Amino acid sequence: MALNSSVMGWFKSVAHKYLAIIVFLIAWQIFPTIGLVNEIFIPTPTTILAEIWKLTLDGTLPNDAVISLFRVGVGFGIALLVALPLGFLLGGFFKSFEKAVNPLLQLLSQANPFTLFPIFIVFLGIGEVSKISIIYWVCQWPILLNTITGISNVDPVLIKMARSSGLSKAEIFTKVLIPASLPTVFTGIRMGAAFSFFMLIGAEMLGSSAGLGYLIMQAQMVMQIPRMWAGIVVVALIGYIVTYSLIYLERRGSVWKQEV
């Protein structure tokens, strides 16, 4: 009885959490089937899943997914390696310099990456370097600016208490500033991850011969609609997994933060 109750409780919890998604998928399956939506342009989820399975078996989808993930991983990884230390330094140690360059950083962050991509191609060519570079460009700004904001907005009372306790500047930075700024920093990291996928698809559509964006674009051009939707769904699922992986890491890194 106890096992049955725990299983029922788990099913209720999952159903409550994903109720909106379940209803959406059921409606999506029904509407094209009964003719309320044109199935030529919006195929049912079962048709899309069958296409995903087909593309997986022939190796097309895994190959394109690996190529896209490589581009995102390298561009996003470089952004983390550059923007996080720079944000901590500007927000924590060089505040006067940060105030002087902040208007420039804000201006650069607002530049439309799709209009900049042709410039990247001119200087770096149409190969992998230009795609990874534009992904890096897009990712770095939310990470950098949120890191600066997170460090700058740490409660001064915490810093004063740390100083009164005899902690050194290095200890204050590692034990007070970084933990207190983590929620804001992780917000920037999640935004950077989301932007990386947006820019990836655009870059692969504009200049690529492989990848999920290329798969979607080619399928659209030859009216292979289920194939196009298969690529779109896979991109959405990967983005969902990445986002919730980062949320999990944030919770693990912010165990001190009590939920209201």
C-alpha atoms as a PDB file:
ATOM      1  CA  MET A   1       0.000   0.000   0.000  1.00  0.00           C
ATOM      2  CA  ALA A   2       2.808   2.394   0.878  1.00  0.00           C
ATOM      3  CA  LEU A   3       4.526   1.656  -2.456  1.00  0.00           C
ATOM      4  CA  ASN A   4       1.283   2.201  -4.386  1.00  0.00           C
ATOM      5  CA  SER A   5       0.715   5.499  -2.565  1.00  0.00           C
ATOM      6  CA  SER A   6       4.231   6.717  -3.367  1.00  0.00           C
ATOM      7  CA  VAL A   7       3.840   5.748  -7.048  1.00  0.00           C
ATOM      8  CA  MET A   8       0.459   7.499  -7.254  1.00  0.00           C
ATOM      9  CA  GLY A   9       1.946  10.547  -5.556  1.00  0.00           C
ATOM     10  CA  TRP A  10       4.792  10.606  -8.093  1.00  0.00           C
ATOM     11  CA  PHE A  11       2.364  10.368 -11.028  1.00  0.00           C
ATOM     12  CA  LYS A  12       0.224  13.173  -9.591  1.00  0.00           C
ATOM     13  CA  SER A  13       3.295  15.336  -9.087  1.00  0.00           C
ATOM     14  CA  VAL A  14       4.489  14.776 -12.675  1.00  0.00           C
ATOM     15  CA  ALA A  15       0.997  15.306 -14.111  1.00  0.00           C
ATOM     16  CA  HIS A  16       0.579  18.552 -12.168  1.00  0.00           C
ATOM     17  CA  LYS A  17       4.015  19.841 -13.172  1.00  0.00           C
ATOM     18  CA  TYR A  18       3.696  19.029 -16.871  1.00  0.00           C
ATOM     19  CA  LEU A  19      -0.088  19.403 -17.255  1.00  0.00           C
ATOM     20  CA  ALA A  20       0.163  22.342 -19.662  1.00  0.00           C
ATOM     21  CA  ILE A  21       2.664  20.474 -21.885  1.00  0.00           C
ATOM     22  CA  ILE A  22       0.494  17.328 -21.873  1.00  0.00           C
ATOM     23  CA  VAL A  23      -2.641  19.279 -22.857  1.00  0.00           C
ATOM     24  CA  PHE A  24      -0.693  21.161 -25.551  1.00  0.00           C
ATOM     25  CA  LEU A  25       0.640  17.929 -27.091  1.00  0.00           C
ATOM     26  CA  ILE A  26      -2.815  16.291 -27.043  1.00  0.00           C
ATOM     27  CA  ALA A  27      -4.347  19.331 -28.759  1.00  0.00           C
ATOM     28  CA  TRP A  28      -1.480  19.372 -31.262  1.00  0.00           C
ATOM     29  CA  GLN A  29      -2.168  15.715 -32.078  1.00  0.00           C
ATOM     30  CA  ILE A  30      -5.926  16.169 -32.396  1.00  0.00           C
ATOM     31  CA  PHE A  31      -6.243  19.435 -34.368  1.00  0.00           C
ATOM     32  CA  PRO A  32      -4.352  18.336 -37.518  1.00  0.00           C
ATOM     33  CA  THR A  33      -6.009  14.898 -37.350  1.00  0.00           C
ATOM     34  CA  ILE A  34      -9.554  16.324 -37.442  1.00  0.00           C
ATOM     35  CA  GLY A  35      -8.645  18.998 -39.984  1.00  0.00           C
ATOM     36  CA  LEU A  36      -8.679  22.120 -37.823  1.00  0.00           C
ATOM     37  CA  VAL A  37      -5.008  22.661 -38.737  1.00  0.00           C
ATOM     38  CA  ASN A  38      -3.414  21.869 -42.096  1.00  0.00           C
ATOM     39  CA  GLU A  39      -1.291  18.762 -41.475  1.00  0.00           C
ATOM     40  CA  ILE A  40       0.861  19.567 -44.503  1.00  0.00           C
ATOM     41  CA  PHE A  41       2.359  22.535 -42.677  1.00  0.00           C
ATOM     42  CA  ILE A  42       1.920  21.464 -39.044  1.00  0.00           C
ATOM     43  CA  PRO A  43       2.272  17.678 -38.782  1.00  0.00           C
ATOM     44  CA  THR A  44       1.184  15.807 -35.683  1.00  0.00           C
ATOM     45  CA  PRO A  45       3.659  15.009 -32.871  1.00  0.00           C
ATOM     46  CA  THR A  46       3.531  11.315 -33.803  1.00  0.00           C
ATOM     47  CA  THR A  47       4.533  12.156 -37.399  1.00  0.00           C
ATOM     48  CA  ILE A  48       7.403  14.325 -36.121  1.00  0.00           C
ATOM     49  CA  LEU A  49       8.569  11.598 -33.720  1.00  0.00           C
ATOM     50  CA  ALA A  50       8.518   9.073 -36.575  1.00  0.00           C
ATOM     51  CA  GLU A  51      10.672  11.452 -38.658  1.00  0.00           C
ATOM     52  CA  ILE A  52      13.074  11.954 -35.736  1.00  0.00           C
ATOM     53  CA  TRP A  53      13.391   8.176 -35.401  1.00  0.00           C
ATOM     54  CA  LYS A  54      14.015   7.822 -39.135  1.00  0.00           C
ATOM     55  CA  LEU A  55      16.684  10.553 -39.159  1.00  0.00           C
ATOM     56  CA  THR A  56      18.292   8.999 -36.080  1.00  0.00           C
ATOM     57  CA  LEU A  57      18.499   5.558 -37.649  1.00  0.00           C
ATOM     58  CA  ASP A  58      20.128   6.825 -40.859  1.00  0.00           C
ATOM     59  CA  GLY A  59      22.633   8.885 -38.835  1.00  0.00           C
ATOM     60  CA  THR A  60      21.589  12.299 -40.168  1.00  0.00           C
ATOM     61  CA  LEU A  61      20.236  13.689 -36.899  1.00  0.00           C
ATOM     62  CA  PRO A  62      23.053  12.485 -34.601  1.00  0.00           C
ATOM     63  CA  ASN A  63      25.670  13.846 -37.006  1.00  0.00           C
ATOM     64  CA  ASP A  64      24.027  17.274 -37.302  1.00  0.00           C
ATOM     65  CA  ALA A  65      23.344  17.419 -33.550  1.00  0.00           C
ATOM     66  CA  VAL A  66      26.982  16.664 -32.697  1.00  0.00           C
ATOM     67  CA  ILE A  67      28.212  19.363 -35.099  1.00  0.00           C
ATOM     68  CA  SER A  68      25.812  21.954 -33.653  1.00  0.00           C
ATOM     69  CA  LEU A  69      26.630  21.022 -30.056  1.00  0.00           C
ATOM     70  CA  PHE A  70      30.339  21.327 -30.821  1.00  0.00           C
ATOM     71  CA  ARG A  71      29.844  24.868 -32.142  1.00  0.00           C
ATOM     72  CA  VAL A  72      27.677  25.874 -29.187  1.00  0.00           C
ATOM     73  CA  GLY A  73      29.954  24.199 -26.665  1.00  0.00           C
ATOM     74  CA  VAL A  74      33.119  25.884 -27.915  1.00  0.00           C
ATOM     75  CA  GLY A  75      31.560  29.343 -28.334  1.00  0.00           C
ATOM     76  CA  PHE A  76      29.733  29.194 -25.008  1.00  0.00           C
ATOM     77  CA  GLY A  77      32.764  27.721 -23.239  1.00  0.00           C
ATOM     78  CA  ILE A  78      35.056  30.511 -24.457  1.00  0.00           C
ATOM     79  CA  ALA A  79      32.461  33.073 -23.353  1.00  0.00           C
ATOM     80  CA  LEU A  80      32.454  31.563 -19.857  1.00  0.00           C
ATOM     81  CA  LEU A  81      36.257  31.527 -19.676  1.00  0.00           C
ATOM     82  CA  VAL A  82      36.483  35.178 -20.732  1.00  0.00           C
ATOM     83  CA  ALA A  83      33.343  36.863 -19.386  1.00  0.00           C
ATOM     84  CA  LEU A  84      33.191  35.339 -15.885  1.00  0.00           C
ATOM     85  CA  PRO A  85      36.719  36.338 -14.719  1.00  0.00           C
ATOM     86  CA  LEU A  86      36.410  39.719 -16.431  1.00  0.00           C
ATOM     87  CA  GLY A  87      33.037  40.361 -14.788  1.00  0.00           C
ATOM     88  CA  PHE A  88      34.328  39.397 -11.346  1.00  0.00           C
ATOM     89  CA  LEU A  89      37.353  41.666 -11.770  1.00  0.00           C
ATOM     90  CA  LEU A  90      35.407  44.658 -13.074  1.00  0.00           C
ATOM     91  CA  GLY A  91      32.616  44.324 -10.520  1.00  0.00           C
ATOM     92  CA  GLY A  92      34.796  43.474  -7.535  1.00  0.00           C
ATOM     93  CA  PHE A  93      38.165  45.179  -7.912  1.00  0.00           C
ATOM     94  CA  PHE A  94      38.055  47.801 -10.679  1.00  0.00           C
ATOM     95  CA  LYS A  95      34.741  49.523 -10.048  1.00  0.00           C
ATOM     96  CA  SER A  96      35.902  52.954 -11.254  1.00  0.00           C
ATOM     97  CA  PHE A  97      37.120  51.475 -14.525  1.00  0.00           C
ATOM     98  CA  GLU A  98      33.893  49.477 -14.846  1.00  0.00           C
ATOM     99  CA  LYS A  99      31.808  52.657 -14.493  1.00  0.00           C
ATOM    100  CA  ALA A 100      33.899  54.293 -17.212  1.00  0.00           C
ATOM    101  CA  VAL A 101      33.531  51.426 -19.724  1.00  0.00           C
ATOM    102  CA  ASN A 102      29.979  50.370 -18.824  1.00  0.00           C
ATOM    103  CA  PRO A 103      28.310  52.608 -21.465  1.00  0.00           C
ATOM    104  CA  LEU A 104      30.549  51.063 -24.128  1.00  0.00           C
ATOM    105  CA  LEU A 105      29.780  47.537 -22.919  1.00  0.00           C
ATOM    106  CA  GLN A 106      26.048  48.291 -22.977  1.00  0.00           C
ATOM    107  CA  LEU A 107      26.336  49.685 -26.512  1.00  0.00           C
ATOM    108  CA  LEU A 108      28.251  46.665 -27.813  1.00  0.00           C
ATOM    109  CA  SER A 109      25.820  44.255 -26.172  1.00  0.00           C
ATOM    110  CA  GLN A 110      22.920  45.861 -28.063  1.00  0.00           C
ATOM    111  CA  ALA A 111      24.515  45.354 -31.498  1.00  0.00           C
ATOM    112  CA  ASN A 112      22.360  42.977 -33.554  1.00  0.00           C
ATOM    113  CA  PRO A 113      24.461  39.811 -34.061  1.00  0.00           C
ATOM    114  CA  PHE A 114      22.680  38.910 -37.311  1.00  0.00           C
ATOM    115  CA  THR A 115      23.823  42.185 -38.857  1.00  0.00           C
ATOM    116  CA  LEU A 116      27.349  41.569 -37.538  1.00  0.00           C
ATOM    117  CA  PHE A 117      27.599  38.020 -38.869  1.00  0.00           C
ATOM    118  CA  PRO A 118      28.518  39.096 -42.444  1.00  0.00           C
ATOM    119  CA  ILE A 119      31.391  41.113 -40.933  1.00  0.00           C
ATOM    120  CA  PHE A 120      32.600  38.009 -39.077  1.00  0.00           C
ATOM    121  CA  ILE A 121      32.442  36.073 -42.362  1.00  0.00           C
ATOM    122  CA  VAL A 122      34.442  38.765 -44.184  1.00  0.00           C
ATOM    123  CA  PHE A 123      37.250  38.673 -41.621  1.00  0.00           C
ATOM    124  CA  LEU A 124      37.140  35.012 -40.543  1.00  0.00           C
ATOM    125  CA  GLY A 125      35.730  33.211 -43.557  1.00  0.00           C
ATOM    126  CA  ILE A 126      32.668  30.974 -43.803  1.00  0.00           C
ATOM    127  CA  GLY A 127      34.156  28.073 -41.818  1.00  0.00           C
ATOM    128  CA  GLU A 128      33.861  27.048 -38.187  1.00  0.00           C
ATOM    129  CA  VAL A 129      35.814  29.997 -36.781  1.00  0.00           C
ATOM    130  CA  SER A 130      33.233  32.593 -37.839  1.00  0.00           C
ATOM    131  CA  LYS A 131      30.316  30.543 -36.455  1.00  0.00           C
ATOM    132  CA  ILE A 132      32.021  29.888 -33.129  1.00  0.00           C
ATOM    133  CA  SER A 133      33.108  33.534 -32.901  1.00  0.00           C
ATOM    134  CA  ILE A 134      29.612  34.932 -33.425  1.00  0.00           C
ATOM    135  CA  ILE A 135      28.229  32.487 -30.822  1.00  0.00           C
ATOM    136  CA  TYR A 136      30.942  33.638 -28.420  1.00  0.00           C
ATOM    137  CA  TRP A 137      30.088  37.286 -29.159  1.00  0.00           C
ATOM    138  CA  VAL A 138      26.408  36.741 -28.372  1.00  0.00           C
ATOM    139  CA  CYS A 139      27.022  34.676 -25.218  1.00  0.00           C
ATOM    140  CA  GLN A 140      29.589  36.890 -23.553  1.00  0.00           C
ATOM    141  CA  TRP A 141      27.416  39.974 -22.979  1.00  0.00           C
ATOM    142  CA  PRO A 142      24.694  38.561 -20.687  1.00  0.00           C
ATOM    143  CA  ILE A 143      27.339  36.600 -18.757  1.00  0.00           C
ATOM    144  CA  LEU A 144      29.656  39.607 -18.393  1.00  0.00           C
ATOM    145  CA  LEU A 145      26.996  42.194 -17.527  1.00  0.00           C
ATOM    146  CA  ASN A 146      25.133  39.963 -15.075  1.00  0.00           C
ATOM    147  CA  THR A 147      28.381  38.997 -13.362  1.00  0.00           C
ATOM    148  CA  ILE A 148      29.291  42.665 -12.946  1.00  0.00           C
ATOM    149  CA  THR A 149      25.801  43.416 -11.631  1.00  0.00           C
ATOM    150  CA  GLY A 150      25.836  40.459  -9.253  1.00  0.00           C
ATOM    151  CA  ILE A 151      29.192  41.411  -7.721  1.00  0.00           C
ATOM    152  CA  SER A 152      28.371  45.126  -7.552  1.00  0.00           C
ATOM    153  CA  ASN A 153      25.009  44.572  -5.826  1.00  0.00           C
ATOM    154  CA  VAL A 154      26.218  42.358  -2.995  1.00  0.00           C
ATOM    155  CA  ASP A 155      24.874  43.719   0.291  1.00  0.00           C
ATOM    156  CA  PRO A 156      27.556  46.040   1.775  1.00  0.00           C
ATOM    157  CA  VAL A 157      26.598  44.812   5.249  1.00  0.00           C
ATOM    158  CA  LEU A 158      27.927  41.364   4.360  1.00  0.00           C
ATOM    159  CA  ILE A 159      31.233  42.857   3.260  1.00  0.00           C
ATOM    160  CA  LYS A 160      31.525  44.952   6.444  1.00  0.00           C
ATOM    161  CA  MET A 161      30.793  41.911   8.599  1.00  0.00           C
ATOM    162  CA  ALA A 162      33.442  39.919   6.722  1.00  0.00           C
ATOM    163  CA  ARG A 163      36.002  42.684   7.240  1.00  0.00           C
ATOM    164  CA  SER A 164      35.168  42.964  10.909  1.00  0.00           C
ATOM    165  CA  SER A 165      35.722  39.206  11.181  1.00  0.00           C
ATOM    166  CA  GLY A 166      39.285  39.669   9.959  1.00  0.00           C
ATOM    167  CA  LEU A 167      38.906  38.110   6.514  1.00  0.00           C
ATOM    168  CA  SER A 168      41.409  39.124   3.845  1.00  0.00           C
ATOM    169  CA  LYS A 169      40.372  40.621   0.503  1.00  0.00           C
ATOM    170  CA  ALA A 170      40.864  37.253  -1.196  1.00  0.00           C
ATOM    171  CA  GLU A 171      38.741  35.493   1.429  1.00  0.00           C
ATOM    172  CA  ILE A 172      36.009  38.141   1.163  1.00  0.00           C
ATOM    173  CA  PHE A 173      35.981  37.655  -2.595  1.00  0.00           C
ATOM    174  CA  THR A 174      35.796  33.847  -2.492  1.00  0.00           C
ATOM    175  CA  LYS A 175      33.623  33.387   0.621  1.00  0.00           C
ATOM    176  CA  VAL A 176      31.289  36.393   0.392  1.00  0.00           C
ATOM    177  CA  LEU A 177      31.196  38.101  -3.008  1.00  0.00           C
ATOM    178  CA  ILE A 178      31.121  35.041  -5.260  1.00  0.00           C
ATOM    179  CA  PRO A 179      28.493  33.035  -3.272  1.00  0.00           C
ATOM    180  CA  ALA A 180      26.251  36.104  -2.831  1.00  0.00           C
ATOM    181  CA  SER A 181      26.409  36.961  -6.542  1.00  0.00           C
ATOM    182  CA  LEU A 182      25.814  33.436  -7.866  1.00  0.00           C
ATOM    183  CA  PRO A 183      22.034  33.783  -8.498  1.00  0.00           C
ATOM    184  CA  THR A 184      22.583  36.816 -10.735  1.00  0.00           C
ATOM    185  CA  VAL A 185      25.631  35.224 -12.378  1.00  0.00           C
ATOM    186  CA  PHE A 186      23.688  32.065 -13.208  1.00  0.00           C
ATOM    187  CA  THR A 187      20.909  34.176 -14.700  1.00  0.00           C
ATOM    188  CA  GLY A 188      23.475  35.589 -17.126  1.00  0.00           C
ATOM    189  CA  ILE A 189      24.830  32.101 -17.862  1.00  0.00           C
ATOM    190  CA  ARG A 190      21.333  30.796 -18.667  1.00  0.00           C
ATOM    191  CA  MET A 191      20.685  33.786 -20.909  1.00  0.00           C
ATOM    192  CA  GLY A 192      24.009  33.193 -22.661  1.00  0.00           C
ATOM    193  CA  ALA A 193      23.140  29.532 -23.231  1.00  0.00           C
ATOM    194  CA  ALA A 194      19.753  30.477 -24.718  1.00  0.00           C
ATOM    195  CA  PHE A 195      21.321  33.128 -26.961  1.00  0.00           C
ATOM    196  CA  SER A 196      23.921  30.619 -28.140  1.00  0.00           C
ATOM    197  CA  PHE A 197      21.219  28.377 -29.633  1.00  0.00           C
ATOM    198  CA  PHE A 198      19.417  31.328 -31.246  1.00  0.00           C
ATOM    199  CA  MET A 199      22.618  32.469 -32.915  1.00  0.00           C
ATOM    200  CA  LEU A 200      23.666  28.918 -33.801  1.00  0.00           C
ATOM    201  CA  ILE A 201      20.566  28.281 -35.899  1.00  0.00           C
ATOM    202  CA  GLY A 202      20.886  31.649 -37.630  1.00  0.00           C
ATOM    203  CA  ALA A 203      24.580  31.106 -38.374  1.00  0.00           C
ATOM    204  CA  GLU A 204      23.984  27.596 -39.723  1.00  0.00           C
ATOM    205  CA  MET A 205      21.141  28.810 -41.915  1.00  0.00           C
ATOM    206  CA  LEU A 206      23.214  31.649 -43.372  1.00  0.00           C
ATOM    207  CA  GLY A 207      26.445  29.821 -44.035  1.00  0.00           C
ATOM    208  CA  SER A 208      26.848  26.109 -43.331  1.00  0.00           C
ATOM    209  CA  SER A 209      26.788  22.669 -44.914  1.00  0.00           C
ATOM    210  CA  ALA A 210      25.926  20.721 -41.744  1.00  0.00           C
ATOM    211  CA  GLY A 211      24.227  21.175 -38.385  1.00  0.00           C
ATOM    212  CA  LEU A 212      20.665  21.389 -37.115  1.00  0.00           C
ATOM    213  CA  GLY A 213      20.134  24.874 -38.541  1.00  0.00           C
ATOM    214  CA  TYR A 214      21.302  23.643 -41.951  1.00  0.00           C
ATOM    215  CA  LEU A 215      18.983  20.622 -41.635  1.00  0.00           C
ATOM    216  CA  ILE A 216      15.986  22.860 -40.886  1.00  0.00           C
ATOM    217  CA  MET A 217      16.807  25.292 -43.705  1.00  0.00           C
ATOM    218  CA  GLN A 218      17.324  22.590 -46.339  1.00  0.00           C
ATOM    219  CA  ALA A 219      14.122  20.788 -45.342  1.00  0.00           C
ATOM    220  CA  GLN A 220      12.170  24.044 -45.587  1.00  0.00           C
ATOM    221  CA  MET A 221      13.578  24.824 -49.033  1.00  0.00           C
ATOM    222  CA  VAL A 222      12.483  21.471 -50.501  1.00  0.00           C
ATOM    223  CA  MET A 223       9.196  21.401 -48.519  1.00  0.00           C
ATOM    224  CA  GLN A 224      10.123  18.380 -46.393  1.00  0.00           C
ATOM    225  CA  ILE A 225       7.953  19.694 -43.562  1.00  0.00           C
ATOM    226  CA  PRO A 226       8.152  16.718 -41.128  1.00  0.00           C
ATOM    227  CA  ARG A 227      11.952  16.798 -41.491  1.00  0.00           C
ATOM    228  CA  MET A 228      11.955  20.554 -40.779  1.00  0.00           C
ATOM    229  CA  TRP A 229       9.803  20.098 -37.679  1.00  0.00           C
ATOM    230  CA  ALA A 230      12.012  17.237 -36.505  1.00  0.00           C
ATOM    231  CA  GLY A 231      14.990  19.614 -36.501  1.00  0.00           C
ATOM    232  CA  ILE A 232      13.002  22.320 -34.708  1.00  0.00           C
ATOM    233  CA  VAL A 233      11.826  19.916 -31.986  1.00  0.00           C
ATOM    234  CA  VAL A 234      15.327  18.517 -31.418  1.00  0.00           C
ATOM    235  CA  VAL A 235      16.748  22.040 -31.026  1.00  0.00           C
ATOM    236  CA  ALA A 236      13.985  22.872 -28.524  1.00  0.00           C
ATOM    237  CA  LEU A 237      14.627  19.674 -26.537  1.00  0.00           C
ATOM    238  CA  ILE A 238      18.383  20.287 -26.393  1.00  0.00           C
ATOM    239  CA  GLY A 239      17.790  23.871 -25.245  1.00  0.00           C
ATOM    240  CA  TYR A 240      15.374  22.616 -22.572  1.00  0.00           C
ATOM    241  CA  ILE A 241      17.893  20.071 -21.280  1.00  0.00           C
ATOM    242  CA  VAL A 242      20.702  22.648 -21.193  1.00  0.00           C
ATOM    243  CA  THR A 243      18.542  25.213 -19.383  1.00  0.00           C
ATOM    244  CA  TYR A 244      17.399  22.819 -16.672  1.00  0.00           C
ATOM    245  CA  SER A 245      20.906  21.431 -16.265  1.00  0.00           C
ATOM    246  CA  LEU A 246      22.079  24.970 -15.506  1.00  0.00           C
ATOM    247  CA  ILE A 247      19.175  25.461 -13.076  1.00  0.00           C
ATOM    248  CA  TYR A 248      20.223  22.256 -11.299  1.00  0.00           C
ATOM    249  CA  LEU A 249      23.826  23.488 -11.069  1.00  0.00           C
ATOM    250  CA  GLU A 250      22.602  26.828  -9.738  1.00  0.00           C
ATOM    251  CA  ARG A 251      20.632  25.118  -6.987  1.00  0.00           C
ATOM    252  CA  ARG A 252      23.614  22.985  -6.076  1.00  0.00           C
ATOM    253  CA  GLY A 253      25.846  26.055  -5.976  1.00  0.00           C
ATOM    254  CA  SER A 254      23.383  28.151  -3.980  1.00  0.00           C
ATOM    255  CA  VAL A 255      22.430  25.698  -1.239  1.00  0.00           C
ATOM    256  CA  TRP A 256      22.744  28.529   1.273  1.00  0.00           C
ATOM    257  CA  LYS A 257      19.858  30.400  -0.336  1.00  0.00           C
ATOM    258  CA  GLN A 258      16.570  29.628   1.392  1.00  0.00           C
ATOM    259  CA  GLU A 259      13.408  29.545  -0.709  1.00  0.00           C
ATOM    260  CA  VAL A 260      10.495  31.671   0.443  1.00  0.00           C
END
